PDB file of N, CA and C in Angstrom:
ATOM      1  N   MET A   1      36.070 -41.587 -61.715  1.00  0.00           N
ATOM      2  CA  MET A   1      34.636 -41.788 -61.621  1.00  0.00           C
ATOM      3  C   MET A   1      34.275 -43.055 -62.396  1.00  0.00           C
ATOM      4  N   ASN A   2      33.374 -43.808 -61.859  1.00  0.00           N
ATOM      5  CA  ASN A   2      32.932 -45.040 -62.474  1.00  0.00           C
ATOM      6  C   ASN A   2      32.285 -44.752 -63.830  1.00  0.00           C
ATOM      7  N   ARG A   3      32.596 -45.571 -64.816  1.00  0.00           N
ATOM      8  CA  ARG A   3      32.098 -45.330 -66.172  1.00  0.00           C
ATOM      9  C   ARG A   3      30.580 -45.355 -66.245  1.00  0.00           C
ATOM     10  N   THR A   4      29.947 -46.303 -65.560  1.00  0.00           N
ATOM     11  CA  THR A   4      28.480 -46.378 -65.602  1.00  0.00           C
ATOM     12  C   THR A   4      27.845 -45.178 -64.911  1.00  0.00           C
ATOM     13  N   LEU A   5      28.476 -44.696 -63.855  1.00  0.00           N
ATOM     14  CA  LEU A   5      27.972 -43.508 -63.178  1.00  0.00           C
ATOM     15  C   LEU A   5      28.070 -42.289 -64.086  1.00  0.00           C
ATOM     16  N   LEU A   6      29.186 -42.187 -64.798  1.00  0.00           N
ATOM     17  CA  LEU A   6      29.372 -41.078 -65.727  1.00  0.00           C
ATOM     18  C   LEU A   6      28.348 -41.142 -66.859  1.00  0.00           C
ATOM     19  N   MET A   7      28.094 -42.331 -67.377  1.00  0.00           N
ATOM     20  CA  MET A   7      27.105 -42.481 -68.447  1.00  0.00           C
ATOM     21  C   MET A   7      25.716 -42.112 -67.952  1.00  0.00           C
ATOM     22  N   LYS A   8      25.379 -42.486 -66.729  1.00  0.00           N
ATOM     23  CA  LYS A   8      24.079 -42.153 -66.155  1.00  0.00           C
ATOM     24  C   LYS A   8      23.951 -40.638 -65.973  1.00  0.00           C
ATOM     25  N   LYS A   9      25.014 -40.014 -65.507  1.00  0.00           N
ATOM     26  CA  LYS A   9      25.027 -38.570 -65.296  1.00  0.00           C
ATOM     27  C   LYS A   9      24.834 -37.824 -66.624  1.00  0.00           C
ATOM     28  N   ASN A  10      25.545 -38.270 -67.663  1.00  0.00           N
ATOM     29  CA  ASN A  10      25.418 -37.651 -68.980  1.00  0.00           C
ATOM     30  C   ASN A  10      24.031 -37.879 -69.568  1.00  0.00           C
ATOM     31  N   ALA A  11      23.458 -39.052 -69.330  1.00  0.00           N
ATOM     32  CA  ALA A  11      22.119 -39.344 -69.838  1.00  0.00           C
ATOM     33  C   ALA A  11      21.079 -38.464 -69.159  1.00  0.00           C
ATOM     34  N   GLN A  12      21.234 -38.241 -67.862  1.00  0.00           N
ATOM     35  CA  GLN A  12      20.309 -37.367 -67.138  1.00  0.00           C
ATOM     36  C   GLN A  12      20.413 -35.936 -67.656  1.00  0.00           C
ATOM     37  N   ARG A  13      21.638 -35.465 -67.912  1.00  0.00           N
ATOM     38  CA  ARG A  13      21.820 -34.114 -68.443  1.00  0.00           C
ATOM     39  C   ARG A  13      21.192 -33.998 -69.834  1.00  0.00           C
ATOM     40  N   ALA A  14      21.347 -35.031 -70.657  1.00  0.00           N
ATOM     41  CA  ALA A  14      20.770 -35.027 -72.004  1.00  0.00           C
ATOM     42  C   ALA A  14      19.249 -34.952 -71.941  1.00  0.00           C
ATOM     43  N   LYS A  15      18.644 -35.648 -70.988  1.00  0.00           N
ATOM     44  CA  LYS A  15      17.190 -35.588 -70.827  1.00  0.00           C
ATOM     45  C   LYS A  15      16.748 -34.193 -70.409  1.00  0.00           C
ATOM     46  N   ARG A  16      17.465 -33.599 -69.451  1.00  0.00           N
ATOM     47  CA  ARG A  16      17.135 -32.230 -69.016  1.00  0.00           C
ATOM     48  C   ARG A  16      17.296 -31.253 -70.175  1.00  0.00           C
ATOM     49  N   LYS A  17      18.370 -31.425 -70.938  1.00  0.00           N
ATOM     50  CA  LYS A  17      18.644 -30.543 -72.070  1.00  0.00           C
ATOM     51  C   LYS A  17      17.525 -30.618 -73.109  1.00  0.00           C
ATOM     52  N   ALA A  18      17.097 -31.825 -73.456  1.00  0.00           N
ATOM     53  CA  ALA A  18      16.034 -32.000 -74.447  1.00  0.00           C
ATOM     54  C   ALA A  18      14.717 -31.412 -73.952  1.00  0.00           C
ATOM     55  N   ARG A  19      14.426 -31.606 -72.686  1.00  0.00           N
ATOM     56  CA  ARG A  19      13.185 -31.078 -72.119  1.00  0.00           C
ATOM     57  C   ARG A  19      13.165 -29.549 -72.159  1.00  0.00           C
ATOM     58  N   VAL A  20      14.255 -28.932 -71.775  1.00  0.00           N
ATOM     59  CA  VAL A  20      14.336 -27.469 -71.765  1.00  0.00           C
ATOM     60  C   VAL A  20      14.355 -26.915 -73.185  1.00  0.00           C
ATOM     61  N   ARG A  21      15.124 -27.566 -74.080  1.00  0.00           N
ATOM     62  CA  ARG A  21      15.241 -27.073 -75.457  1.00  0.00           C
ATOM     63  C   ARG A  21      13.922 -27.133 -76.208  1.00  0.00           C
ATOM     64  N   GLY A  22      13.012 -28.000 -75.800  1.00  0.00           N
ATOM     65  CA  GLY A  22      11.710 -28.079 -76.435  1.00  0.00           C
ATOM     66  C   GLY A  22      10.827 -26.899 -76.110  1.00  0.00           C
ATOM     67  N   LYS A  23      11.188 -26.160 -75.087  1.00  0.00           N
ATOM     68  CA  LYS A  23      10.345 -25.053 -74.618  1.00  0.00           C
ATOM     69  C   LYS A  23      10.883 -23.674 -74.997  1.00  0.00           C
ATOM     70  N   ILE A  24      12.173 -23.569 -75.301  1.00  0.00           N
ATOM     71  CA  ILE A  24      12.741 -22.247 -75.583  1.00  0.00           C
ATOM     72  C   ILE A  24      13.211 -22.161 -77.027  1.00  0.00           C
ATOM     73  N   PHE A  25      13.203 -20.931 -77.555  1.00  0.00           N
ATOM     74  CA  PHE A  25      13.537 -20.692 -78.950  1.00  0.00           C
ATOM     75  C   PHE A  25      14.094 -19.286 -79.071  1.00  0.00           C
ATOM     76  N   GLY A  26      15.140 -19.108 -79.840  1.00  0.00           N
ATOM     77  CA  GLY A  26      15.760 -17.802 -80.002  1.00  0.00           C
ATOM     78  C   GLY A  26      15.482 -17.205 -81.367  1.00  0.00           C
ATOM     79  N   THR A  27      15.330 -15.884 -81.408  1.00  0.00           N
ATOM     80  CA  THR A  27      15.151 -15.160 -82.659  1.00  0.00           C
ATOM     81  C   THR A  27      16.274 -14.135 -82.798  1.00  0.00           C
ATOM     82  N   ALA A  28      16.283 -13.404 -83.887  1.00  0.00           N
ATOM     83  CA  ALA A  28      17.326 -12.395 -84.081  1.00  0.00           C
ATOM     84  C   ALA A  28      17.193 -11.276 -83.054  1.00  0.00           C
ATOM     85  N   GLU A  29      15.960 -10.916 -82.684  1.00  0.00           N
ATOM     86  CA  GLU A  29      15.735  -9.840 -81.715  1.00  0.00           C
ATOM     87  C   GLU A  29      15.945 -10.324 -80.281  1.00  0.00           C
ATOM     88  N   LYS A  30      15.620 -11.592 -80.032  1.00  0.00           N
ATOM     89  CA  LYS A  30      15.740 -12.178 -78.693  1.00  0.00           C
ATOM     90  C   LYS A  30      16.405 -13.552 -78.821  1.00  0.00           C
ATOM     91  N   PRO A  31      17.740 -13.569 -78.931  1.00  0.00           N
ATOM     92  CA  PRO A  31      18.441 -14.843 -79.170  1.00  0.00           C
ATOM     93  C   PRO A  31      18.467 -15.738 -77.931  1.00  0.00           C
ATOM     94  N   ARG A  32      18.779 -16.984 -78.179  1.00  0.00           N
ATOM     95  CA  ARG A  32      18.953 -17.964 -77.108  1.00  0.00           C
ATOM     96  C   ARG A  32      20.423 -17.922 -76.696  1.00  0.00           C
ATOM     97  N   VAL A  33      20.673 -17.621 -75.425  1.00  0.00           N
ATOM     98  CA  VAL A  33      22.038 -17.602 -74.907  1.00  0.00           C
ATOM     99  C   VAL A  33      22.267 -18.927 -74.208  1.00  0.00           C
ATOM    100  N   THR A  34      23.166 -19.721 -74.767  1.00  0.00           N
ATOM    101  CA  THR A  34      23.448 -21.034 -74.206  1.00  0.00           C
ATOM    102  C   THR A  34      24.843 -21.037 -73.591  1.00  0.00           C
ATOM    103  N   VAL A  35      24.974 -21.783 -72.514  1.00  0.00           N
ATOM    104  CA  VAL A  35      26.243 -21.864 -71.804  1.00  0.00           C
ATOM    105  C   VAL A  35      26.686 -23.321 -71.792  1.00  0.00           C
ATOM    106  N   PHE A  36      27.984 -23.536 -72.001  1.00  0.00           N
ATOM    107  CA  PHE A  36      28.559 -24.870 -71.906  1.00  0.00           C
ATOM    108  C   PHE A  36      29.734 -24.796 -70.948  1.00  0.00           C
ATOM    109  N   ARG A  37      29.744 -25.696 -70.011  1.00  0.00           N
ATOM    110  CA  ARG A  37      30.878 -25.735 -69.084  1.00  0.00           C
ATOM    111  C   ARG A  37      31.469 -27.134 -69.098  1.00  0.00           C
ATOM    112  N   SER A  38      32.773 -27.167 -69.191  1.00  0.00           N
ATOM    113  CA  SER A  38      33.480 -28.426 -69.043  1.00  0.00           C
ATOM    114  C   SER A  38      34.131 -28.391 -67.664  1.00  0.00           C
ATOM    115  N   ASN A  39      34.930 -29.376 -67.360  1.00  0.00           N
ATOM    116  CA  ASN A  39      35.606 -29.365 -66.068  1.00  0.00           C
ATOM    117  C   ASN A  39      36.655 -28.259 -65.986  1.00  0.00           C
ATOM    118  N   LYS A  40      37.138 -27.808 -67.149  1.00  0.00           N
ATOM    119  CA  LYS A  40      38.214 -26.823 -67.148  1.00  0.00           C
ATOM    120  C   LYS A  40      37.807 -25.438 -67.636  1.00  0.00           C
ATOM    121  N   HIS A  41      36.809 -25.332 -68.526  1.00  0.00           N
ATOM    122  CA  HIS A  41      36.504 -24.049 -69.160  1.00  0.00           C
ATOM    123  C   HIS A  41      35.007 -23.812 -69.273  1.00  0.00           C
ATOM    124  N   ILE A  42      34.652 -22.578 -69.653  1.00  0.00           N
ATOM    125  CA  ILE A  42      33.257 -22.205 -69.854  1.00  0.00           C
ATOM    126  C   ILE A  42      33.145 -21.451 -71.176  1.00  0.00           C
ATOM    127  N   TYR A  43      32.067 -21.723 -71.892  1.00  0.00           N
ATOM    128  CA  TYR A  43      31.832 -21.125 -73.206  1.00  0.00           C
ATOM    129  C   TYR A  43      30.387 -20.637 -73.265  1.00  0.00           C
ATOM    130  N   ALA A  44      30.112 -19.640 -74.117  1.00  0.00           N
ATOM    131  CA  ALA A  44      28.747 -19.152 -74.273  1.00  0.00           C
ATOM    132  C   ALA A  44      28.516 -18.710 -75.713  1.00  0.00           C
ATOM    133  N   GLN A  45      27.261 -18.849 -76.167  1.00  0.00           N
ATOM    134  CA  GLN A  45      26.870 -18.418 -77.507  1.00  0.00           C
ATOM    135  C   GLN A  45      25.496 -17.780 -77.452  1.00  0.00           C
ATOM    136  N   ALA A  46      25.280 -16.779 -78.298  1.00  0.00           N
ATOM    137  CA  ALA A  46      23.955 -16.204 -78.527  1.00  0.00           C
ATOM    138  C   ALA A  46      23.524 -16.692 -79.906  1.00  0.00           C
ATOM    139  N   ILE A  47      22.423 -17.436 -79.957  1.00  0.00           N
ATOM    140  CA  ILE A  47      22.031 -18.138 -81.177  1.00  0.00           C
ATOM    141  C   ILE A  47      20.669 -17.677 -81.669  1.00  0.00           C
ATOM    142  N   ASP A  48      20.570 -17.402 -82.973  1.00  0.00           N
ATOM    143  CA  ASP A  48      19.306 -17.133 -83.649  1.00  0.00           C
ATOM    144  C   ASP A  48      18.844 -18.460 -84.237  1.00  0.00           C
ATOM    145  N   ASP A  49      17.824 -19.070 -83.630  1.00  0.00           N
ATOM    146  CA  ASP A  49      17.360 -20.385 -84.077  1.00  0.00           C
ATOM    147  C   ASP A  49      16.578 -20.320 -85.380  1.00  0.00           C
ATOM    148  N   VAL A  50      16.015 -19.166 -85.718  1.00  0.00           N
ATOM    149  CA  VAL A  50      15.256 -19.037 -86.960  1.00  0.00           C
ATOM    150  C   VAL A  50      16.193 -19.190 -88.153  1.00  0.00           C
ATOM    151  N   ALA A  51      17.292 -18.416 -88.142  1.00  0.00           N
ATOM    152  CA  ALA A  51      18.254 -18.468 -89.233  1.00  0.00           C
ATOM    153  C   ALA A  51      19.310 -19.556 -89.020  1.00  0.00           C
ATOM    154  N   GLY A  52      19.426 -20.054 -87.791  1.00  0.00           N
ATOM    155  CA  GLY A  52      20.419 -21.075 -87.503  1.00  0.00           C
ATOM    156  C   GLY A  52      21.830 -20.544 -87.480  1.00  0.00           C
ATOM    157  N   VAL A  53      22.015 -19.334 -86.947  1.00  0.00           N
ATOM    158  CA  VAL A  53      23.338 -18.724 -86.905  1.00  0.00           C
ATOM    159  C   VAL A  53      23.687 -18.300 -85.482  1.00  0.00           C
ATOM    160  N   THR A  54      24.982 -18.239 -85.222  1.00  0.00           N
ATOM    161  CA  THR A  54      25.474 -17.737 -83.946  1.00  0.00           C
ATOM    162  C   THR A  54      25.711 -16.241 -84.091  1.00  0.00           C
ATOM    163  N   LEU A  55      25.066 -15.449 -83.227  1.00  0.00           N
ATOM    164  CA  LEU A  55      25.188 -13.995 -83.301  1.00  0.00           C
ATOM    165  C   LEU A  55      26.395 -13.476 -82.523  1.00  0.00           C
ATOM    166  N   ALA A  56      26.703 -14.124 -81.412  1.00  0.00           N
ATOM    167  CA  ALA A  56      27.844 -13.709 -80.590  1.00  0.00           C
ATOM    168  C   ALA A  56      28.346 -14.939 -79.844  1.00  0.00           C
ATOM    169  N   ALA A  57      29.621 -14.927 -79.516  1.00  0.00           N
ATOM    170  CA  ALA A  57      30.201 -16.044 -78.780  1.00  0.00           C
ATOM    171  C   ALA A  57      31.317 -15.544 -77.871  1.00  0.00           C
ATOM    172  N   ALA A  58      31.528 -16.263 -76.779  1.00  0.00           N
ATOM    173  CA  ALA A  58      32.629 -15.969 -75.859  1.00  0.00           C
ATOM    174  C   ALA A  58      33.243 -17.294 -75.430  1.00  0.00           C
ATOM    175  N   ASP A  59      34.559 -17.326 -75.403  1.00  0.00           N
ATOM    176  CA  ASP A  59      35.298 -18.547 -75.124  1.00  0.00           C
ATOM    177  C   ASP A  59      36.233 -18.304 -73.945  1.00  0.00           C
ATOM    178  N   GLY A  60      35.953 -18.922 -72.822  1.00  0.00           N
ATOM    179  CA  GLY A  60      36.786 -18.754 -71.638  1.00  0.00           C
ATOM    180  C   GLY A  60      38.186 -19.297 -71.821  1.00  0.00           C
ATOM    181  N   ARG A  61      38.335 -20.300 -72.652  1.00  0.00           N
ATOM    182  CA  ARG A  61      39.658 -20.892 -72.893  1.00  0.00           C
ATOM    183  C   ARG A  61      40.558 -19.895 -73.610  1.00  0.00           C
ATOM    184  N   LYS A  62      40.003 -19.208 -74.623  1.00  0.00           N
ATOM    185  CA  LYS A  62      40.804 -18.223 -75.356  1.00  0.00           C
ATOM    186  C   LYS A  62      41.120 -17.003 -74.501  1.00  0.00           C
ATOM    187  N   MET A  63      40.254 -16.753 -73.484  1.00  0.00           N
ATOM    188  CA  MET A  63      40.483 -15.631 -72.579  1.00  0.00           C
ATOM    189  C   MET A  63      41.439 -16.014 -71.450  1.00  0.00           C
ATOM    190  N   GLY A  64      41.834 -17.289 -71.411  1.00  0.00           N
ATOM    191  CA  GLY A  64      42.765 -17.758 -70.392  1.00  0.00           C
ATOM    192  C   GLY A  64      42.117 -17.960 -69.033  1.00  0.00           C
ATOM    193  N   LEU A  65      40.827 -18.340 -69.028  1.00  0.00           N
ATOM    194  CA  LEU A  65      40.082 -18.491 -67.781  1.00  0.00           C
ATOM    195  C   LEU A  65      39.769 -19.950 -67.502  1.00  0.00           C
ATOM    196  N   LYS A  66      39.547 -20.255 -66.248  1.00  0.00           N
ATOM    197  CA  LYS A  66      39.137 -21.603 -65.834  1.00  0.00           C
ATOM    198  C   LYS A  66      37.622 -21.624 -65.659  1.00  0.00           C
ATOM    199  N   ALA A  67      37.067 -22.750 -65.240  1.00  0.00           N
ATOM    200  CA  ALA A  67      35.623 -22.888 -65.057  1.00  0.00           C
ATOM    201  C   ALA A  67      35.269 -22.631 -63.592  1.00  0.00           C
ATOM    202  N   ASN A  68      35.243 -21.351 -63.208  1.00  0.00           N
ATOM    203  CA  ASN A  68      34.798 -20.987 -61.870  1.00  0.00           C
ATOM    204  C   ASN A  68      33.861 -19.784 -61.972  1.00  0.00           C
ATOM    205  N   LYS A  69      33.339 -19.340 -60.856  1.00  0.00           N
ATOM    206  CA  LYS A  69      32.337 -18.273 -60.873  1.00  0.00           C
ATOM    207  C   LYS A  69      32.909 -16.959 -61.407  1.00  0.00           C
ATOM    208  N   GLU A  70      34.140 -16.649 -61.051  1.00  0.00           N
ATOM    209  CA  GLU A  70      34.761 -15.407 -61.525  1.00  0.00           C
ATOM    210  C   GLU A  70      34.938 -15.446 -63.039  1.00  0.00           C
ATOM    211  N   ALA A  71      35.357 -16.578 -63.552  1.00  0.00           N
ATOM    212  CA  ALA A  71      35.535 -16.733 -64.998  1.00  0.00           C
ATOM    213  C   ALA A  71      34.185 -16.656 -65.705  1.00  0.00           C
ATOM    214  N   ALA A  72      33.145 -17.234 -65.104  1.00  0.00           N
ATOM    215  CA  ALA A  72      31.808 -17.179 -65.689  1.00  0.00           C
ATOM    216  C   ALA A  72      31.341 -15.732 -65.811  1.00  0.00           C
ATOM    217  N   ALA A  73      31.643 -14.924 -64.819  1.00  0.00           N
ATOM    218  CA  ALA A  73      31.264 -13.511 -64.859  1.00  0.00           C
ATOM    219  C   ALA A  73      32.001 -12.779 -65.982  1.00  0.00           C
ATOM    220  N   LYS A  74      33.268 -13.103 -66.202  1.00  0.00           N
ATOM    221  CA  LYS A  74      34.043 -12.452 -67.265  1.00  0.00           C
ATOM    222  C   LYS A  74      33.565 -12.886 -68.647  1.00  0.00           C
ATOM    223  N   VAL A  75      33.219 -14.152 -68.797  1.00  0.00           N
ATOM    224  CA  VAL A  75      32.691 -14.642 -70.072  1.00  0.00           C
ATOM    225  C   VAL A  75      31.330 -13.994 -70.347  1.00  0.00           C
ATOM    226  N   ALA A  76      30.512 -13.854 -69.311  1.00  0.00           N
ATOM    227  CA  ALA A  76      29.207 -13.193 -69.458  1.00  0.00           C
ATOM    228  C   ALA A  76      29.379 -11.732 -69.850  1.00  0.00           C
ATOM    229  N   GLU A  77      30.363 -11.083 -69.268  1.00  0.00           N
ATOM    230  CA  GLU A  77      30.645  -9.688 -69.613  1.00  0.00           C
ATOM    231  C   GLU A  77      31.059  -9.568 -71.080  1.00  0.00           C
ATOM    232  N   ALA A  78      31.872 -10.504 -71.554  1.00  0.00           N
ATOM    233  CA  ALA A  78      32.335 -10.483 -72.942  1.00  0.00           C
ATOM    234  C   ALA A  78      31.183 -10.720 -73.916  1.00  0.00           C
ATOM    235  N   ILE A  79      30.322 -11.677 -73.625  1.00  0.00           N
ATOM    236  CA  ILE A  79      29.214 -11.955 -74.551  1.00  0.00           C
ATOM    237  C   ILE A  79      28.177 -10.836 -74.483  1.00  0.00           C
ATOM    238  N   ALA A  80      27.995 -10.234 -73.310  1.00  0.00           N
ATOM    239  CA  ALA A  80      27.062  -9.107 -73.195  1.00  0.00           C
ATOM    240  C   ALA A  80      27.543  -7.926 -74.038  1.00  0.00           C
ATOM    241  N   ALA A  81      28.843  -7.670 -74.028  1.00  0.00           N
ATOM    242  CA  ALA A  81      29.397  -6.583 -74.835  1.00  0.00           C
ATOM    243  C   ALA A  81      29.195  -6.858 -76.322  1.00  0.00           C
ATOM    244  N   ALA A  82      29.419  -8.110 -76.738  1.00  0.00           N
ATOM    245  CA  ALA A  82      29.238  -8.466 -78.149  1.00  0.00           C
ATOM    246  C   ALA A  82      27.769  -8.353 -78.554  1.00  0.00           C
ATOM    247  N   MET A  83      26.861  -8.701 -77.655  1.00  0.00           N
ATOM    248  CA  MET A  83      25.436  -8.607 -77.960  1.00  0.00           C
ATOM    249  C   MET A  83      24.983  -7.148 -78.025  1.00  0.00           C
ATOM    250  N   LYS A  84      25.506  -6.328 -77.145  1.00  0.00           N
ATOM    251  CA  LYS A  84      25.142  -4.906 -77.156  1.00  0.00           C
ATOM    252  C   LYS A  84      25.630  -4.216 -78.423  1.00  0.00           C
ATOM    253  N   GLU A  85      26.780  -4.646 -78.951  1.00  0.00           N
ATOM    254  CA  GLU A  85      27.279  -4.102 -80.218  1.00  0.00           C
ATOM    255  C   GLU A  85      26.292  -4.330 -81.343  1.00  0.00           C
ATOM    256  N   LYS A  86      25.574  -5.453 -81.268  1.00  0.00           N
ATOM    257  CA  LYS A  86      24.586  -5.790 -82.294  1.00  0.00           C
ATOM    258  C   LYS A  86      23.204  -5.262 -81.955  1.00  0.00           C
ATOM    259  N   GLY A  87      23.083  -4.520 -80.845  1.00  0.00           N
ATOM    260  CA  GLY A  87      21.807  -3.924 -80.469  1.00  0.00           C
ATOM    261  C   GLY A  87      20.836  -4.874 -79.796  1.00  0.00           C
ATOM    262  N   ILE A  88      21.339  -5.919 -79.180  1.00  0.00           N
ATOM    263  CA  ILE A  88      20.491  -6.910 -78.506  1.00  0.00           C
ATOM    264  C   ILE A  88      20.475  -6.612 -77.016  1.00  0.00           C
ATOM    265  N   GLU A  89      19.278  -6.432 -76.452  1.00  0.00           N
ATOM    266  CA  GLU A  89      19.132  -6.115 -75.035  1.00  0.00           C
ATOM    267  C   GLU A  89      18.489  -7.242 -74.238  1.00  0.00           C
ATOM    268  N   THR A  90      17.712  -8.114 -74.903  1.00  0.00           N
ATOM    269  CA  THR A  90      17.040  -9.211 -74.207  1.00  0.00           C
ATOM    270  C   THR A  90      17.423 -10.539 -74.847  1.00  0.00           C
ATOM    271  N   ALA A  91      17.351 -11.585 -74.049  1.00  0.00           N
ATOM    272  CA  ALA A  91      17.699 -12.918 -74.543  1.00  0.00           C
ATOM    273  C   ALA A  91      16.939 -13.965 -73.747  1.00  0.00           C
ATOM    274  N   VAL A  92      16.931 -15.173 -74.286  1.00  0.00           N
ATOM    275  CA  VAL A  92      16.364 -16.328 -73.608  1.00  0.00           C
ATOM    276  C   VAL A  92      17.546 -17.147 -73.103  1.00  0.00           C
ATOM    277  N   PHE A  93      17.555 -17.502 -71.817  1.00  0.00           N
ATOM    278  CA  PHE A  93      18.688 -18.222 -71.243  1.00  0.00           C
ATOM    279  C   PHE A  93      18.483 -19.718 -71.358  1.00  0.00           C
ATOM    280  N   ASP A  94      19.460 -20.396 -71.953  1.00  0.00           N
ATOM    281  CA  ASP A  94      19.460 -21.853 -72.096  1.00  0.00           C
ATOM    282  C   ASP A  94      20.577 -22.396 -71.219  1.00  0.00           C
ATOM    283  N   ARG A  95      20.221 -23.051 -70.129  1.00  0.00           N
ATOM    284  CA  ARG A  95      21.230 -23.565 -69.196  1.00  0.00           C
ATOM    285  C   ARG A  95      21.843 -24.857 -69.698  1.00  0.00           C
ATOM    286  N   ASN A  96      21.377 -25.346 -70.851  1.00  0.00           N
ATOM    287  CA  ASN A  96      21.992 -26.475 -71.551  1.00  0.00           C
ATOM    288  C   ASN A  96      21.975 -27.770 -70.738  1.00  0.00           C
ATOM    289  N   GLY A  97      20.937 -27.966 -69.948  1.00  0.00           N
ATOM    290  CA  GLY A  97      20.813 -29.193 -69.171  1.00  0.00           C
ATOM    291  C   GLY A  97      21.511 -29.165 -67.833  1.00  0.00           C
ATOM    292  N   TYR A  98      22.281 -28.127 -67.562  1.00  0.00           N
ATOM    293  CA  TYR A  98      22.963 -28.020 -66.278  1.00  0.00           C
ATOM    294  C   TYR A  98      21.987 -27.493 -65.235  1.00  0.00           C
ATOM    295  N   ILE A  99      22.202 -27.868 -63.994  1.00  0.00           N
ATOM    296  CA  ILE A  99      21.386 -27.369 -62.902  1.00  0.00           C
ATOM    297  C   ILE A  99      21.745 -25.904 -62.680  1.00  0.00           C
ATOM    298  N   TYR A 100      20.733 -25.059 -62.435  1.00  0.00           N
ATOM    299  CA  TYR A 100      20.951 -23.624 -62.247  1.00  0.00           C
ATOM    300  C   TYR A 100      21.576 -23.414 -60.869  1.00  0.00           C
ATOM    301  N   HIS A 101      22.896 -23.560 -60.818  1.00  0.00           N
ATOM    302  CA  HIS A 101      23.618 -23.493 -59.561  1.00  0.00           C
ATOM    303  C   HIS A 101      25.087 -23.248 -59.872  1.00  0.00           C
ATOM    304  N   GLY A 102      25.780 -22.569 -59.005  1.00  0.00           N
ATOM    305  CA  GLY A 102      27.216 -22.395 -59.141  1.00  0.00           C
ATOM    306  C   GLY A 102      27.621 -21.569 -60.350  1.00  0.00           C
ATOM    307  N   VAL A 103      28.409 -22.158 -61.232  1.00  0.00           N
ATOM    308  CA  VAL A 103      28.969 -21.452 -62.386  1.00  0.00           C
ATOM    309  C   VAL A 103      27.866 -20.986 -63.336  1.00  0.00           C
ATOM    310  N   VAL A 104      26.859 -21.819 -63.566  1.00  0.00           N
ATOM    311  CA  VAL A 104      25.779 -21.469 -64.490  1.00  0.00           C
ATOM    312  C   VAL A 104      24.961 -20.307 -63.930  1.00  0.00           C
ATOM    313  N   ALA A 105      24.654 -20.334 -62.645  1.00  0.00           N
ATOM    314  CA  ALA A 105      23.911 -19.251 -62.010  1.00  0.00           C
ATOM    315  C   ALA A 105      24.733 -17.964 -61.998  1.00  0.00           C
ATOM    316  N   ALA A 106      26.031 -18.075 -61.751  1.00  0.00           N
ATOM    317  CA  ALA A 106      26.908 -16.903 -61.755  1.00  0.00           C
ATOM    318  C   ALA A 106      26.956 -16.277 -63.148  1.00  0.00           C
ATOM    319  N   PHE A 107      26.955 -17.114 -64.180  1.00  0.00           N
ATOM    320  CA  PHE A 107      26.950 -16.621 -65.558  1.00  0.00           C
ATOM    321  C   PHE A 107      25.678 -15.838 -65.841  1.00  0.00           C
ATOM    322  N   ALA A 108      24.517 -16.384 -65.473  1.00  0.00           N
ATOM    323  CA  ALA A 108      23.238 -15.721 -65.727  1.00  0.00           C
ATOM    324  C   ALA A 108      23.124 -14.407 -64.953  1.00  0.00           C
ATOM    325  N   GLU A 109      23.568 -14.399 -63.714  1.00  0.00           N
ATOM    326  CA  GLU A 109      23.521 -13.175 -62.913  1.00  0.00           C
ATOM    327  C   GLU A 109      24.440 -12.107 -63.493  1.00  0.00           C
ATOM    328  N   ALA A 110      25.605 -12.509 -63.972  1.00  0.00           N
ATOM    329  CA  ALA A 110      26.538 -11.554 -64.574  1.00  0.00           C
ATOM    330  C   ALA A 110      25.975 -11.000 -65.880  1.00  0.00           C
ATOM    331  N   LEU A 111      25.241 -11.806 -66.638  1.00  0.00           N
ATOM    332  CA  LEU A 111      24.588 -11.301 -67.856  1.00  0.00           C
ATOM    333  C   LEU A 111      23.605 -10.199 -67.492  1.00  0.00           C
ATOM    334  N   ARG A 112      22.815 -10.430 -66.451  1.00  0.00           N
ATOM    335  CA  ARG A 112      21.837  -9.422 -66.015  1.00  0.00           C
ATOM    336  C   ARG A 112      22.536  -8.154 -65.538  1.00  0.00           C
ATOM    337  N   GLU A 113      23.637  -8.307 -64.813  1.00  0.00           N
ATOM    338  CA  GLU A 113      24.384  -7.150 -64.320  1.00  0.00           C
ATOM    339  C   GLU A 113      24.980  -6.335 -65.471  1.00  0.00           C
ATOM    340  N   ASN A 114      25.272  -6.989 -66.584  1.00  0.00           N
ATOM    341  CA  ASN A 114      25.852  -6.305 -67.734  1.00  0.00           C
ATOM    342  C   ASN A 114      24.810  -5.815 -68.720  1.00  0.00           C
ATOM    343  N   GLY A 115      23.551  -5.811 -68.336  1.00  0.00           N
ATOM    344  CA  GLY A 115      22.522  -5.165 -69.134  1.00  0.00           C
ATOM    345  C   GLY A 115      21.759  -6.053 -70.094  1.00  0.00           C
ATOM    346  N   ILE A 116      21.920  -7.356 -70.042  1.00  0.00           N
ATOM    347  CA  ILE A 116      21.163  -8.258 -70.898  1.00  0.00           C
ATOM    348  C   ILE A 116      20.043  -8.848 -70.054  1.00  0.00           C
ATOM    349  N   GLN A 117      18.828  -8.627 -70.462  1.00  0.00           N
ATOM    350  CA  GLN A 117      17.678  -9.115 -69.713  1.00  0.00           C
ATOM    351  C   GLN A 117      17.408 -10.569 -70.095  1.00  0.00           C
ATOM    352  N   VAL A 118      17.607 -11.484 -69.145  1.00  0.00           N
ATOM    353  CA  VAL A 118      17.336 -12.913 -69.375  1.00  0.00           C
ATOM    354  C   VAL A 118      16.319 -13.409 -68.380  1.00  0.00           C
TER     355      VAL A 118
END
């Protein structure tokens, strides 16, 4: 991929991320669930922005998964289980500047299927 095209793509994602992050906020009762996807893996965190701590996390790389829809569903299942252990039923979804499509959409749908209201 052309370097300037990649820089433009990353800059557009950064703008989307900043715009969305200005509107959402996580608390201990309703944390912000953020998703990060690279070309190879997918990661997720439940974050309490008030205290600045991560309440739960799931790492697709450590689970031996790639960045596809099936892996996104398994990572969502893992983070949902960790959140339920802490008594968290609702969350705010942070798509982290990614377009709500494909892997990111599959992750959010799997969170809902596993009992986390986003």
